[in-house]
Amino acid sequence: MKTVAFAAGLAAGMAVAAAAVCAMYPDVSRRAVRDSKRMIKTGKRAIDRMCNW
């Protein structure tokens, strides 16, 4: 039961922190989306290079 409460508190804390950062810096979410797309493309290329030795 303690682990459930801990996990719920952790998730709530992360949500509050993310909301605070997004409120202070509105462009952070757009940058995160852009950067994550770039990381996915880079990761796919790296995997393709490893598989096509």
C-alpha atoms as a PDB file:
ATOM      1  CA  MET A   1       0.000   0.000   0.000  1.00  0.00           C
ATOM      2  CA  LYS A   2       2.915   2.330   0.704  1.00  0.00           C
ATOM      3  CA  THR A   3       4.290   1.819  -2.791  1.00  0.00           C
ATOM      4  CA  VAL A   4       0.962   2.797  -4.359  1.00  0.00           C
ATOM      5  CA  ALA A   5       0.876   6.014  -2.350  1.00  0.00           C
ATOM      6  CA  PHE A   6       4.506   6.697  -3.202  1.00  0.00           C
ATOM      7  CA  ALA A   7       3.911   6.125  -6.925  1.00  0.00           C
ATOM      8  CA  ALA A   8       0.816   8.346  -6.875  1.00  0.00           C
ATOM      9  CA  GLY A   9       2.705  11.106  -5.080  1.00  0.00           C
ATOM     10  CA  LEU A  10       5.601  10.816  -7.488  1.00  0.00           C
ATOM     11  CA  ALA A  11       3.293  11.064 -10.505  1.00  0.00           C
ATOM     12  CA  ALA A  12       1.443  14.033  -8.998  1.00  0.00           C
ATOM     13  CA  GLY A  13       4.716  15.800  -8.237  1.00  0.00           C
ATOM     14  CA  MET A  14       5.976  15.283 -11.760  1.00  0.00           C
ATOM     15  CA  ALA A  15       2.710  16.633 -13.169  1.00  0.00           C
ATOM     16  CA  VAL A  16       2.858  19.729 -10.967  1.00  0.00           C
ATOM     17  CA  ALA A  17       6.497  20.350 -11.873  1.00  0.00           C
ATOM     18  CA  ALA A  18       5.790  19.973 -15.589  1.00  0.00           C
ATOM     19  CA  ALA A  19       2.824  22.341 -15.335  1.00  0.00           C
ATOM     20  CA  ALA A  20       4.948  24.911 -13.516  1.00  0.00           C
ATOM     21  CA  VAL A  21       7.715  24.764 -16.103  1.00  0.00           C
ATOM     22  CA  CYS A  22       5.221  25.029 -18.968  1.00  0.00           C
ATOM     23  CA  ALA A  23       3.560  28.005 -17.289  1.00  0.00           C
ATOM     24  CA  MET A  24       6.865  29.819 -16.856  1.00  0.00           C
ATOM     25  CA  TYR A  25       8.278  28.895 -20.259  1.00  0.00           C
ATOM     26  CA  PRO A  26       5.494  28.260 -22.828  1.00  0.00           C
ATOM     27  CA  ASP A  27       7.902  27.354 -25.616  1.00  0.00           C
ATOM     28  CA  VAL A  28       9.399  24.441 -23.656  1.00  0.00           C
ATOM     29  CA  SER A  29       6.689  22.019 -24.774  1.00  0.00           C
ATOM     30  CA  ARG A  30       7.198  22.953 -28.432  1.00  0.00           C
ATOM     31  CA  ARG A  31      10.941  22.514 -28.101  1.00  0.00           C
ATOM     32  CA  ALA A  32      10.486  19.158 -26.400  1.00  0.00           C
ATOM     33  CA  VAL A  33       8.270  17.920 -29.230  1.00  0.00           C
ATOM     34  CA  ARG A  34      10.736  19.161 -31.837  1.00  0.00           C
ATOM     35  CA  ASP A  35      13.732  17.662 -30.066  1.00  0.00           C
ATOM     36  CA  SER A  36      12.011  14.331 -29.450  1.00  0.00           C
ATOM     37  CA  LYS A  37      11.168  14.041 -33.158  1.00  0.00           C
ATOM     38  CA  ARG A  38      14.795  14.756 -33.972  1.00  0.00           C
ATOM     39  CA  MET A  39      15.993  12.154 -31.463  1.00  0.00           C
ATOM     40  CA  ILE A  40      13.638   9.545 -32.913  1.00  0.00           C
ATOM     41  CA  LYS A  41      14.970  10.187 -36.425  1.00  0.00           C
ATOM     42  CA  THR A  42      18.573  10.024 -35.209  1.00  0.00           C
ATOM     43  CA  GLY A  43      17.869   6.821 -33.290  1.00  0.00           C
ATOM     44  CA  LYS A  44      16.267   5.186 -36.312  1.00  0.00           C
ATOM     45  CA  ARG A  45      19.277   6.079 -38.436  1.00  0.00           C
ATOM     46  CA  ALA A  46      21.656   4.663 -35.825  1.00  0.00           C
ATOM     47  CA  ILE A  47      19.701   1.413 -35.630  1.00  0.00           C
ATOM     48  CA  ASP A  48      19.642   1.139 -39.419  1.00  0.00           C
ATOM     49  CA  ARG A  49      23.407   1.620 -39.533  1.00  0.00           C
ATOM     50  CA  MET A  50      23.932  -1.067 -36.896  1.00  0.00           C
ATOM     51  CA  CYS A  51      21.679  -3.541 -38.678  1.00  0.00           C
ATOM     52  CA  ASN A  52      23.153  -2.937 -42.141  1.00  0.00           C
ATOM     53  CA  TRP A  53      26.776  -3.598 -41.372  1.00  0.00           C
END
